[in-house]
PDB file of N, CA and C in Angstrom:
ATOM      1  N   MET A   1      -2.795   8.098 -16.200  1.00  0.00           N
ATOM      2  CA  MET A   1      -1.346   8.102 -16.307  1.00  0.00           C
ATOM      3  C   MET A   1      -0.996   7.684 -17.735  1.00  0.00           C
ATOM      4  N   ARG A   2      -0.215   8.529 -18.399  1.00  0.00           N
ATOM      5  CA  ARG A   2       0.174   8.285 -19.785  1.00  0.00           C
ATOM      6  C   ARG A   2       1.596   7.730 -19.829  1.00  0.00           C
ATOM      7  N   VAL A   3       1.800   6.679 -20.616  1.00  0.00           N
ATOM      8  CA  VAL A   3       3.111   6.059 -20.788  1.00  0.00           C
ATOM      9  C   VAL A   3       3.585   6.341 -22.206  1.00  0.00           C
ATOM     10  N   GLU A   4       4.831   6.783 -22.328  1.00  0.00           N
ATOM     11  CA  GLU A   4       5.449   7.012 -23.634  1.00  0.00           C
ATOM     12  C   GLU A   4       6.685   6.134 -23.748  1.00  0.00           C
ATOM     13  N   LEU A   5       6.746   5.338 -24.794  1.00  0.00           N
ATOM     14  CA  LEU A   5       7.925   4.541 -25.120  1.00  0.00           C
ATOM     15  C   LEU A   5       8.854   5.468 -25.893  1.00  0.00           C
ATOM     16  N   ASP A   6       9.925   5.914 -25.256  1.00  0.00           N
ATOM     17  CA  ASP A   6      10.794   6.961 -25.800  1.00  0.00           C
ATOM     18  C   ASP A   6      11.844   6.344 -26.731  1.00  0.00           C
ATOM     19  N   VAL A   7      11.537   6.359 -28.044  1.00  0.00           N
ATOM     20  CA  VAL A   7      12.424   5.709 -29.013  1.00  0.00           C
ATOM     21  C   VAL A   7      12.707   6.540 -30.264  1.00  0.00           C
ATOM     22  N   PHE A   8      11.854   7.469 -30.599  1.00  0.00           N
ATOM     23  CA  PHE A   8      11.990   8.189 -31.860  1.00  0.00           C
ATOM     24  C   PHE A   8      12.486   9.612 -31.643  1.00  0.00           C
ATOM     25  N   SER A   9      13.180  10.111 -32.646  1.00  0.00           N
ATOM     26  CA  SER A   9      13.535  11.524 -32.719  1.00  0.00           C
ATOM     27  C   SER A   9      12.883  12.061 -33.984  1.00  0.00           C
ATOM     28  N   GLY A  10      12.112  13.114 -33.861  1.00  0.00           N
ATOM     29  CA  GLY A  10      11.506  13.724 -35.029  1.00  0.00           C
ATOM     30  C   GLY A  10      10.146  13.182 -35.424  1.00  0.00           C
ATOM     31  N   ARG A  11       9.637  12.200 -34.703  1.00  0.00           N
ATOM     32  CA  ARG A  11       8.271  11.729 -34.941  1.00  0.00           C
ATOM     33  C   ARG A  11       7.690  11.261 -33.612  1.00  0.00           C
ATOM     34  N   PRO A  12       6.373  11.173 -33.532  1.00  0.00           N
ATOM     35  CA  PRO A  12       5.744  10.830 -32.253  1.00  0.00           C
ATOM     36  C   PRO A  12       6.147   9.442 -31.750  1.00  0.00           C
ATOM     37  N   ASN A  13       6.387   9.349 -30.461  1.00  0.00           N
ATOM     38  CA  ASN A  13       6.669   8.070 -29.812  1.00  0.00           C
ATOM     39  C   ASN A  13       5.367   7.328 -29.535  1.00  0.00           C
ATOM     40  N   PRO A  14       5.407   5.989 -29.511  1.00  0.00           N
ATOM     41  CA  PRO A  14       4.225   5.228 -29.097  1.00  0.00           C
ATOM     42  C   PRO A  14       3.847   5.619 -27.664  1.00  0.00           C
ATOM     43  N   ASN A  15       2.546   5.709 -27.406  1.00  0.00           N
ATOM     44  CA  ASN A  15       2.094   6.018 -26.050  1.00  0.00           C
ATOM     45  C   ASN A  15       0.731   5.396 -25.797  1.00  0.00           C
ATOM     46  N   TRP A  16       0.383   5.283 -24.534  1.00  0.00           N
ATOM     47  CA  TRP A  16      -0.896   4.721 -24.127  1.00  0.00           C
ATOM     48  C   TRP A  16      -1.198   5.155 -22.698  1.00  0.00           C
ATOM     49  N   GLN A  17      -2.439   4.932 -22.307  1.00  0.00           N
ATOM     50  CA  GLN A  17      -2.891   5.228 -20.949  1.00  0.00           C
ATOM     51  C   GLN A  17      -2.884   3.946 -20.127  1.00  0.00           C
ATOM     52  N   LEU A  18      -2.492   4.056 -18.870  1.00  0.00           N
ATOM     53  CA  LEU A  18      -2.566   2.916 -17.963  1.00  0.00           C
ATOM     54  C   LEU A  18      -4.005   2.744 -17.482  1.00  0.00           C
ATOM     55  N   SER A  19      -4.419   1.500 -17.355  1.00  0.00           N
ATOM     56  CA  SER A  19      -5.729   1.189 -16.792  1.00  0.00           C
ATOM     57  C   SER A  19      -5.675   1.387 -15.274  1.00  0.00           C
ATOM     58  N   PRO A  20      -6.814   1.446 -14.602  1.00  0.00           N
ATOM     59  CA  PRO A  20      -6.794   1.552 -13.134  1.00  0.00           C
ATOM     60  C   PRO A  20      -6.006   0.414 -12.471  1.00  0.00           C
ATOM     61  N   ASP A  21      -6.128  -0.813 -12.976  1.00  0.00           N
ATOM     62  CA  ASP A  21      -5.363  -1.931 -12.408  1.00  0.00           C
ATOM     63  C   ASP A  21      -3.863  -1.746 -12.631  1.00  0.00           C
ATOM     64  N   GLU A  22      -3.497  -1.233 -13.807  1.00  0.00           N
ATOM     65  CA  GLU A  22      -2.078  -0.987 -14.098  1.00  0.00           C
ATOM     66  C   GLU A  22      -1.528   0.149 -13.232  1.00  0.00           C
ATOM     67  N   ILE A  23      -2.352   1.158 -12.969  1.00  0.00           N
ATOM     68  CA  ILE A  23      -1.926   2.238 -12.071  1.00  0.00           C
ATOM     69  C   ILE A  23      -1.657   1.686 -10.679  1.00  0.00           C
ATOM     70  N   ALA A  24      -2.518   0.804 -10.214  1.00  0.00           N
ATOM     71  CA  ALA A  24      -2.295   0.169  -8.901  1.00  0.00           C
ATOM     72  C   ALA A  24      -1.007  -0.643  -8.915  1.00  0.00           C
ATOM     73  N   GLY A  25      -0.738  -1.345 -10.026  1.00  0.00           N
ATOM     74  CA  GLY A  25       0.503  -2.104 -10.163  1.00  0.00           C
ATOM     75  C   GLY A  25       1.724  -1.199 -10.157  1.00  0.00           C
ATOM     76  N   LEU A  26       1.612  -0.046 -10.813  1.00  0.00           N
ATOM     77  CA  LEU A  26       2.716   0.917 -10.817  1.00  0.00           C
ATOM     78  C   LEU A  26       2.983   1.431  -9.411  1.00  0.00           C
ATOM     79  N   LYS A  27       1.938   1.799  -8.703  1.00  0.00           N
ATOM     80  CA  LYS A  27       2.106   2.293  -7.327  1.00  0.00           C
ATOM     81  C   LYS A  27       2.812   1.254  -6.458  1.00  0.00           C
ATOM     82  N   ALA A  28       2.429   0.002  -6.605  1.00  0.00           N
ATOM     83  CA  ALA A  28       3.057  -1.076  -5.822  1.00  0.00           C
ATOM     84  C   ALA A  28       4.534  -1.211  -6.180  1.00  0.00           C
ATOM     85  N   ARG A  29       4.862  -1.097  -7.464  1.00  0.00           N
ATOM     86  CA  ARG A  29       6.257  -1.229  -7.904  1.00  0.00           C
ATOM     87  C   ARG A  29       7.116  -0.037  -7.484  1.00  0.00           C
ATOM     88  N   LEU A  30       6.509   1.131  -7.338  1.00  0.00           N
ATOM     89  CA  LEU A  30       7.256   2.313  -6.913  1.00  0.00           C
ATOM     90  C   LEU A  30       7.574   2.300  -5.415  1.00  0.00           C
ATOM     91  N   ALA A  31       6.797   1.553  -4.656  1.00  0.00           N
ATOM     92  CA  ALA A  31       6.969   1.532  -3.200  1.00  0.00           C
ATOM     93  C   ALA A  31       8.304   0.895  -2.810  1.00  0.00           C
ATOM     94  N   GLY A  32       9.018   1.561  -1.943  1.00  0.00           N
ATOM     95  CA  GLY A  32      10.234   0.998  -1.363  1.00  0.00           C
ATOM     96  C   GLY A  32      11.462   0.979  -2.243  1.00  0.00           C
ATOM     97  N   LEU A  33      11.474   1.735  -3.332  1.00  0.00           N
ATOM     98  CA  LEU A  33      12.664   1.761  -4.182  1.00  0.00           C
ATOM     99  C   LEU A  33      13.820   2.452  -3.455  1.00  0.00           C
ATOM    100  N   PRO A  34      15.018   1.876  -3.490  1.00  0.00           N
ATOM    101  CA  PRO A  34      16.170   2.544  -2.873  1.00  0.00           C
ATOM    102  C   PRO A  34      16.687   3.676  -3.762  1.00  0.00           C
ATOM    103  N   ARG A  35      17.199   4.702  -3.127  1.00  0.00           N
ATOM    104  CA  ARG A  35      17.731   5.856  -3.874  1.00  0.00           C
ATOM    105  C   ARG A  35      19.017   5.504  -4.606  1.00  0.00           C
ATOM    106  N   CYS A  36      19.211   6.176  -5.761  1.00  0.00           N
ATOM    107  CA  CYS A  36      20.437   6.057  -6.561  1.00  0.00           C
ATOM    108  C   CYS A  36      21.466   7.048  -6.029  1.00  0.00           C
ATOM    109  N   ASP A  37      22.718   6.747  -6.300  1.00  0.00           N
ATOM    110  CA  ASP A  37      23.787   7.678  -5.977  1.00  0.00           C
ATOM    111  C   ASP A  37      24.066   8.650  -7.113  1.00  0.00           C
ATOM    112  N   GLN A  38      23.590   8.333  -8.310  1.00  0.00           N
ATOM    113  CA  GLN A  38      23.896   9.153  -9.478  1.00  0.00           C
ATOM    114  C   GLN A  38      22.639   9.394 -10.300  1.00  0.00           C
ATOM    115  N   PRO A  39      22.614  10.465 -11.096  1.00  0.00           N
ATOM    116  CA  PRO A  39      21.440  10.750 -11.915  1.00  0.00           C
ATOM    117  C   PRO A  39      21.327   9.791 -13.096  1.00  0.00           C
ATOM    118  N   ILE A  40      20.139   9.739 -13.651  1.00  0.00           N
ATOM    119  CA  ILE A  40      19.899   8.925 -14.839  1.00  0.00           C
ATOM    120  C   ILE A  40      20.609   9.564 -16.024  1.00  0.00           C
ATOM    121  N   THR A  41      21.285   8.734 -16.797  1.00  0.00           N
ATOM    122  CA  THR A  41      21.856   9.202 -18.068  1.00  0.00           C
ATOM    123  C   THR A  41      21.085   8.522 -19.182  1.00  0.00           C
ATOM    124  N   GLU A  42      20.693   9.309 -20.156  1.00  0.00           N
ATOM    125  CA  GLU A  42      19.900   8.774 -21.259  1.00  0.00           C
ATOM    126  C   GLU A  42      20.664   8.873 -22.560  1.00  0.00           C
ATOM    127  N   PRO A  43      20.632   7.833 -23.389  1.00  0.00           N
ATOM    128  CA  PRO A  43      21.274   7.910 -24.700  1.00  0.00           C
ATOM    129  C   PRO A  43      20.551   8.923 -25.575  1.00  0.00           C
ATOM    130  N   VAL A  44      21.258   9.432 -26.557  1.00  0.00           N
ATOM    131  CA  VAL A  44      20.683  10.440 -27.440  1.00  0.00           C
ATOM    132  C   VAL A  44      19.779   9.811 -28.495  1.00  0.00           C
ATOM    133  N   LEU A  45      20.170   8.658 -29.034  1.00  0.00           N
ATOM    134  CA  LEU A  45      19.397   8.003 -30.091  1.00  0.00           C
ATOM    135  C   LEU A  45      18.946   6.621 -29.666  1.00  0.00           C
ATOM    136  N   GLY A  46      17.884   6.137 -30.297  1.00  0.00           N
ATOM    137  CA  GLY A  46      17.398   4.795 -30.025  1.00  0.00           C
ATOM    138  C   GLY A  46      16.540   4.724 -28.781  1.00  0.00           C
ATOM    139  N   TYR A  47      16.517   3.565 -28.172  1.00  0.00           N
ATOM    140  CA  TYR A  47      15.699   3.317 -26.987  1.00  0.00           C
ATOM    141  C   TYR A  47      16.187   4.161 -25.816  1.00  0.00           C
ATOM    142  N   ARG A  48      15.272   4.981 -25.279  1.00  0.00           N
ATOM    143  CA  ARG A  48      15.590   5.825 -24.125  1.00  0.00           C
ATOM    144  C   ARG A  48      14.689   5.512 -22.945  1.00  0.00           C
ATOM    145  N   GLY A  49      14.047   4.362 -22.981  1.00  0.00           N
ATOM    146  CA  GLY A  49      13.208   3.946 -21.863  1.00  0.00           C
ATOM    147  C   GLY A  49      11.786   4.460 -21.970  1.00  0.00           C
ATOM    148  N   PHE A  50      11.215   4.784 -20.805  1.00  0.00           N
ATOM    149  CA  PHE A  50       9.813   5.183 -20.721  1.00  0.00           C
ATOM    150  C   PHE A  50       9.683   6.484 -19.942  1.00  0.00           C
ATOM    151  N   VAL A  51       8.710   7.279 -20.355  1.00  0.00           N
ATOM    152  CA  VAL A  51       8.354   8.487 -19.627  1.00  0.00           C
ATOM    153  C   VAL A  51       6.875   8.368 -19.281  1.00  0.00           C
ATOM    154  N   LEU A  52       6.562   8.412 -17.999  1.00  0.00           N
ATOM    155  CA  LEU A  52       5.185   8.335 -17.533  1.00  0.00           C
ATOM    156  C   LEU A  52       4.783   9.715 -17.032  1.00  0.00           C
ATOM    157  N   SER A  53       3.660  10.222 -17.529  1.00  0.00           N
ATOM    158  CA  SER A  53       3.205  11.564 -17.181  1.00  0.00           C
ATOM    159  C   SER A  53       1.870  11.492 -16.453  1.00  0.00           C
ATOM    160  N   ASN A  54       1.727  12.376 -15.494  1.00  0.00           N
ATOM    161  CA  ASN A  54       0.522  12.440 -14.681  1.00  0.00           C
ATOM    162  C   ASN A  54      -0.049  13.857 -14.757  1.00  0.00           C
ATOM    163  N   PRO A  55      -0.526  14.287 -15.947  1.00  0.00           N
ATOM    164  CA  PRO A  55      -0.962  15.671 -16.101  1.00  0.00           C
ATOM    165  C   PRO A  55      -2.196  16.036 -15.272  1.00  0.00           C
ATOM    166  N   GLN A  56      -3.016  15.052 -14.938  1.00  0.00           N
ATOM    167  CA  GLN A  56      -4.199  15.318 -14.115  1.00  0.00           C
ATOM    168  C   GLN A  56      -3.895  15.238 -12.623  1.00  0.00           C
ATOM    169  N   ALA A  57      -2.616  15.025 -12.279  1.00  0.00           N
ATOM    170  CA  ALA A  57      -2.182  14.928 -10.872  1.00  0.00           C
ATOM    171  C   ALA A  57      -3.000  13.895 -10.106  1.00  0.00           C
ATOM    172  N   ALA A  58      -3.077  12.681 -10.660  1.00  0.00           N
ATOM    173  CA  ALA A  58      -3.775  11.588  -9.978  1.00  0.00           C
ATOM    174  C   ALA A  58      -3.152  11.372  -8.609  1.00  0.00           C
ATOM    175  N   PRO A  59      -3.963  11.173  -7.597  1.00  0.00           N
ATOM    176  CA  PRO A  59      -3.445  11.037  -6.227  1.00  0.00           C
ATOM    177  C   PRO A  59      -2.478   9.867  -6.083  1.00  0.00           C
ATOM    178  N   GLY A  60      -1.439  10.089  -5.294  1.00  0.00           N
ATOM    179  CA  GLY A  60      -0.485   9.031  -4.981  1.00  0.00           C
ATOM    180  C   GLY A  60       0.566   8.788  -6.037  1.00  0.00           C
ATOM    181  N   LEU A  61       0.586   9.633  -7.098  1.00  0.00           N
ATOM    182  CA  LEU A  61       1.570   9.468  -8.164  1.00  0.00           C
ATOM    183  C   LEU A  61       2.277  10.796  -8.426  1.00  0.00           C
ATOM    184  N   PRO A  62       3.576  10.735  -8.758  1.00  0.00           N
ATOM    185  CA  PRO A  62       4.297  11.968  -9.066  1.00  0.00           C
ATOM    186  C   PRO A  62       3.864  12.539 -10.413  1.00  0.00           C
ATOM    187  N   LEU A  63       4.329  13.754 -10.701  1.00  0.00           N
ATOM    188  CA  LEU A  63       3.993  14.408 -11.963  1.00  0.00           C
ATOM    189  C   LEU A  63       4.594  13.687 -13.152  1.00  0.00           C
ATOM    190  N   GLN A  64       5.838  13.169 -12.986  1.00  0.00           N
ATOM    191  CA  GLN A  64       6.508  12.476 -14.085  1.00  0.00           C
ATOM    192  C   GLN A  64       7.472  11.437 -13.533  1.00  0.00           C
ATOM    193  N   ILE A  65       7.572  10.336 -14.264  1.00  0.00           N
ATOM    194  CA  ILE A  65       8.488   9.253 -13.924  1.00  0.00           C
ATOM    195  C   ILE A  65       9.224   8.880 -15.201  1.00  0.00           C
ATOM    196  N   SER A  66      10.540   8.795 -15.131  1.00  0.00           N
ATOM    197  CA  SER A  66      11.343   8.295 -16.252  1.00  0.00           C
ATOM    198  C   SER A  66      11.999   7.002 -15.810  1.00  0.00           C
ATOM    199  N   VAL A  67      11.963   6.003 -16.687  1.00  0.00           N
ATOM    200  CA  VAL A  67      12.520   4.691 -16.367  1.00  0.00           C
ATOM    201  C   VAL A  67      13.444   4.272 -17.498  1.00  0.00           C
ATOM    202  N   HIS A  68      14.711   3.988 -17.148  1.00  0.00           N
ATOM    203  CA  HIS A  68      15.662   3.563 -18.169  1.00  0.00           C
ATOM    204  C   HIS A  68      16.874   2.921 -17.501  1.00  0.00           C
ATOM    205  N   ASP A  69      17.285   1.802 -18.052  1.00  0.00           N
ATOM    206  CA  ASP A  69      18.555   1.179 -17.675  1.00  0.00           C
ATOM    207  C   ASP A  69      18.710   0.990 -16.163  1.00  0.00           C
ATOM    208  N   GLY A  70      17.664   0.465 -15.539  1.00  0.00           N
ATOM    209  CA  GLY A  70      17.745   0.137 -14.114  1.00  0.00           C
ATOM    210  C   GLY A  70      17.569   1.297 -13.168  1.00  0.00           C
ATOM    211  N   ALA A  71      17.196   2.471 -13.677  1.00  0.00           N
ATOM    212  CA  ALA A  71      16.995   3.637 -12.822  1.00  0.00           C
ATOM    213  C   ALA A  71      15.605   4.226 -13.048  1.00  0.00           C
ATOM    214  N   VAL A  72      15.075   4.812 -11.996  1.00  0.00           N
ATOM    215  CA  VAL A  72      13.769   5.448 -12.024  1.00  0.00           C
ATOM    216  C   VAL A  72      13.934   6.870 -11.508  1.00  0.00           C
ATOM    217  N   ALA A  73      13.629   7.859 -12.334  1.00  0.00           N
ATOM    218  CA  ALA A  73      13.668   9.259 -11.903  1.00  0.00           C
ATOM    219  C   ALA A  73      12.241   9.695 -11.624  1.00  0.00           C
ATOM    220  N   ILE A  74      12.010  10.139 -10.413  1.00  0.00           N
ATOM    221  CA  ILE A  74      10.685  10.604 -10.024  1.00  0.00           C
ATOM    222  C   ILE A  74      10.756  12.118  -9.885  1.00  0.00           C
ATOM    223  N   ARG A  75       9.917  12.795 -10.680  1.00  0.00           N
ATOM    224  CA  ARG A  75       9.902  14.257 -10.677  1.00  0.00           C
ATOM    225  C   ARG A  75       8.613  14.767 -10.036  1.00  0.00           C
ATOM    226  N   THR A  76       8.777  15.645  -9.077  1.00  0.00           N
ATOM    227  CA  THR A  76       7.656  16.297  -8.419  1.00  0.00           C
ATOM    228  C   THR A  76       7.862  17.800  -8.541  1.00  0.00           C
ATOM    229  N   GLU A  77       6.953  18.568  -8.007  1.00  0.00           N
ATOM    230  CA  GLU A  77       7.107  20.024  -8.024  1.00  0.00           C
ATOM    231  C   GLU A  77       8.349  20.452  -7.249  1.00  0.00           C
ATOM    232  N   ALA A  78       8.774  19.636  -6.294  1.00  0.00           N
ATOM    233  CA  ALA A  78       9.941  19.963  -5.467  1.00  0.00           C
ATOM    234  C   ALA A  78      11.270  19.607  -6.133  1.00  0.00           C
ATOM    235  N   GLY A  79      11.241  18.867  -7.233  1.00  0.00           N
ATOM    236  CA  GLY A  79      12.470  18.466  -7.912  1.00  0.00           C
ATOM    237  C   GLY A  79      12.434  17.004  -8.305  1.00  0.00           C
ATOM    238  N   ALA A  80      13.614  16.450  -8.606  1.00  0.00           N
ATOM    239  CA  ALA A  80      13.712  15.062  -9.069  1.00  0.00           C
ATOM    240  C   ALA A  80      14.609  14.258  -8.142  1.00  0.00           C
ATOM    241  N   GLN A  81      14.298  12.976  -8.054  1.00  0.00           N
ATOM    242  CA  GLN A  81      15.112  12.058  -7.263  1.00  0.00           C
ATOM    243  C   GLN A  81      15.263  10.767  -8.048  1.00  0.00           C
ATOM    244  N   CYS A  82      16.454  10.185  -7.996  1.00  0.00           N
ATOM    245  CA  CYS A  82      16.753   8.945  -8.705  1.00  0.00           C
ATOM    246  C   CYS A  82      16.635   7.749  -7.754  1.00  0.00           C
ATOM    247  N   TYR A  83      16.055   6.668  -8.265  1.00  0.00           N
ATOM    248  CA  TYR A  83      15.900   5.427  -7.505  1.00  0.00           C
ATOM    249  C   TYR A  83      16.382   4.261  -8.365  1.00  0.00           C
ATOM    250  N   THR A  84      16.773   3.183  -7.717  1.00  0.00           N
ATOM    251  CA  THR A  84      17.186   1.966  -8.413  1.00  0.00           C
ATOM    252  C   THR A  84      15.952   1.097  -8.659  1.00  0.00           C
ATOM    253  N   ASP A  85      15.804   0.612  -9.863  1.00  0.00           N
ATOM    254  CA  ASP A  85      14.633  -0.171 -10.275  1.00  0.00           C
ATOM    255  C   ASP A  85      14.741  -1.619  -9.800  1.00  0.00           C
ATOM    256  N   VAL A  86      14.659  -1.832  -8.492  1.00  0.00           N
ATOM    257  CA  VAL A  86      14.738  -3.190  -7.941  1.00  0.00           C
ATOM    258  C   VAL A  86      13.420  -3.954  -8.075  1.00  0.00           C
ATOM    259  N   ASN A  87      12.345  -3.258  -8.431  1.00  0.00           N
ATOM    260  CA  ASN A  87      11.032  -3.898  -8.535  1.00  0.00           C
ATOM    261  C   ASN A  87      10.613  -4.210  -9.967  1.00  0.00           C
ATOM    262  N   GLY A  88      11.535  -4.091 -10.929  1.00  0.00           N
ATOM    263  CA  GLY A  88      11.259  -4.490 -12.303  1.00  0.00           C
ATOM    264  C   GLY A  88      10.272  -3.623 -13.058  1.00  0.00           C
ATOM    265  N   ILE A  89      10.266  -2.325 -12.787  1.00  0.00           N
ATOM    266  CA  ILE A  89       9.331  -1.425 -13.466  1.00  0.00           C
ATOM    267  C   ILE A  89       9.595  -1.396 -14.971  1.00  0.00           C
ATOM    268  N   GLU A  90      10.853  -1.305 -15.371  1.00  0.00           N
ATOM    269  CA  GLU A  90      11.162  -1.247 -16.808  1.00  0.00           C
ATOM    270  C   GLU A  90      10.729  -2.533 -17.515  1.00  0.00           C
ATOM    271  N   SER A  91      10.978  -3.677 -16.926  1.00  0.00           N
ATOM    272  CA  SER A  91      10.546  -4.955 -17.524  1.00  0.00           C
ATOM    273  C   SER A  91       9.028  -5.018 -17.638  1.00  0.00           C
ATOM    274  N   TRP A  92       8.358  -4.563 -16.608  1.00  0.00           N
ATOM    275  CA  TRP A  92       6.893  -4.529 -16.602  1.00  0.00           C
ATOM    276  C   TRP A  92       6.376  -3.627 -17.719  1.00  0.00           C
ATOM    277  N   LEU A  93       6.989  -2.449 -17.879  1.00  0.00           N
ATOM    278  CA  LEU A  93       6.584  -1.527 -18.939  1.00  0.00           C
ATOM    279  C   LEU A  93       6.883  -2.107 -20.326  1.00  0.00           C
ATOM    280  N   LEU A  94       7.993  -2.801 -20.476  1.00  0.00           N
ATOM    281  CA  LEU A  94       8.284  -3.463 -21.750  1.00  0.00           C
ATOM    282  C   LEU A  94       7.210  -4.499 -22.075  1.00  0.00           C
ATOM    283  N   ASP A  95       6.787  -5.258 -21.077  1.00  0.00           N
ATOM    284  CA  ASP A  95       5.712  -6.235 -21.287  1.00  0.00           C
ATOM    285  C   ASP A  95       4.411  -5.538 -21.683  1.00  0.00           C
ATOM    286  N   LEU A  96       4.105  -4.403 -21.029  1.00  0.00           N
ATOM    287  CA  LEU A  96       2.904  -3.651 -21.391  1.00  0.00           C
ATOM    288  C   LEU A  96       2.994  -3.143 -22.828  1.00  0.00           C
ATOM    289  N   ALA A  97       4.177  -2.670 -23.233  1.00  0.00           N
ATOM    290  CA  ALA A  97       4.365  -2.193 -24.607  1.00  0.00           C
ATOM    291  C   ALA A  97       4.122  -3.328 -25.600  1.00  0.00           C
ATOM    292  N   ARG A  98       4.636  -4.502 -25.293  1.00  0.00           N
ATOM    293  CA  ARG A  98       4.415  -5.657 -26.177  1.00  0.00           C
ATOM    294  C   ARG A  98       2.927  -5.987 -26.270  1.00  0.00           C
ATOM    295  N   SER A  99       2.224  -5.934 -25.142  1.00  0.00           N
ATOM    296  CA  SER A  99       0.799  -6.275 -25.134  1.00  0.00           C
ATOM    297  C   SER A  99      -0.036  -5.248 -25.892  1.00  0.00           C
ATOM    298  N   ARG A 100       0.534  -4.087 -26.136  1.00  0.00           N
ATOM    299  CA  ARG A 100      -0.168  -3.044 -26.879  1.00  0.00           C
ATOM    300  C   ARG A 100       0.294  -2.958 -28.332  1.00  0.00           C
ATOM    301  N   GLY A 101       0.964  -3.993 -28.805  1.00  0.00           N
ATOM    302  CA  GLY A 101       1.291  -4.089 -30.218  1.00  0.00           C
ATOM    303  C   GLY A 101       2.641  -3.542 -30.640  1.00  0.00           C
ATOM    304  N   HIS A 102       3.541  -3.319 -29.713  1.00  0.00           N
ATOM    305  CA  HIS A 102       4.846  -2.747 -30.047  1.00  0.00           C
ATOM    306  C   HIS A 102       5.974  -3.773 -30.018  1.00  0.00           C
ATOM    307  N   SER A 103       5.635  -5.048 -30.131  1.00  0.00           N
ATOM    308  CA  SER A 103       6.649  -6.119 -30.087  1.00  0.00           C
ATOM    309  C   SER A 103       7.672  -5.998 -31.190  1.00  0.00           C
ATOM    310  N   ALA A 104       7.243  -5.756 -32.417  1.00  0.00           N
ATOM    311  CA  ALA A 104       8.169  -5.675 -33.547  1.00  0.00           C
ATOM    312  C   ALA A 104       9.156  -4.521 -33.354  1.00  0.00           C
ATOM    313  N   LEU A 105       8.660  -3.384 -32.918  1.00  0.00           N
ATOM    314  CA  LEU A 105       9.536  -2.235 -32.664  1.00  0.00           C
ATOM    315  C   LEU A 105      10.560  -2.565 -31.578  1.00  0.00           C
ATOM    316  N   LEU A 106      10.113  -3.190 -30.513  1.00  0.00           N
ATOM    317  CA  LEU A 106      11.036  -3.542 -29.427  1.00  0.00           C
ATOM    318  C   LEU A 106      12.078  -4.562 -29.884  1.00  0.00           C
ATOM    319  N   ARG A 107      11.685  -5.506 -30.749  1.00  0.00           N
ATOM    320  CA  ARG A 107      12.655  -6.464 -31.297  1.00  0.00           C
ATOM    321  C   ARG A 107      13.718  -5.732 -32.111  1.00  0.00           C
ATOM    322  N   GLU A 108      13.288  -4.765 -32.924  1.00  0.00           N
ATOM    323  CA  GLU A 108      14.236  -3.973 -33.716  1.00  0.00           C
ATOM    324  C   GLU A 108      15.246  -3.258 -32.825  1.00  0.00           C
ATOM    325  N   LEU A 109      14.799  -2.863 -31.643  1.00  0.00           N
ATOM    326  CA  LEU A 109      15.645  -2.126 -30.701  1.00  0.00           C
ATOM    327  C   LEU A 109      16.446  -3.052 -29.787  1.00  0.00           C
ATOM    328  N   GLY A 110      16.248  -4.360 -29.961  1.00  0.00           N
ATOM    329  CA  GLY A 110      16.956  -5.320 -29.119  1.00  0.00           C
ATOM    330  C   GLY A 110      16.392  -5.457 -27.726  1.00  0.00           C
ATOM    331  N   LYS A 111      15.114  -5.201 -27.580  1.00  0.00           N
ATOM    332  CA  LYS A 111      14.457  -5.282 -26.269  1.00  0.00           C
ATOM    333  C   LYS A 111      13.435  -6.380 -26.208  1.00  0.00           C
TER     334      LYS A 111
END
């Protein structure tokens, strides 16, 4: 599972692979999320949250997950559904980004 910190326009965003333990943590955090009433809206510039991709179709995970501003969009072959981030997925991903050396960038973005 690949994680992209979506912050740049015109240059590559920071990204990394989740470890097997982190994948298990993600699966646990995705369980039981309540559905949103509205779609995710993303700002055009600056911090746009995280995009998690599952190009190898790892079992038990959707093809793509977007996380931003308290919402989680889960995209499958059947379409997309919005959920409320009651399990702290965005905070967890921010902590992972910091642990991978992106603290200064996140400080610049006010995160």
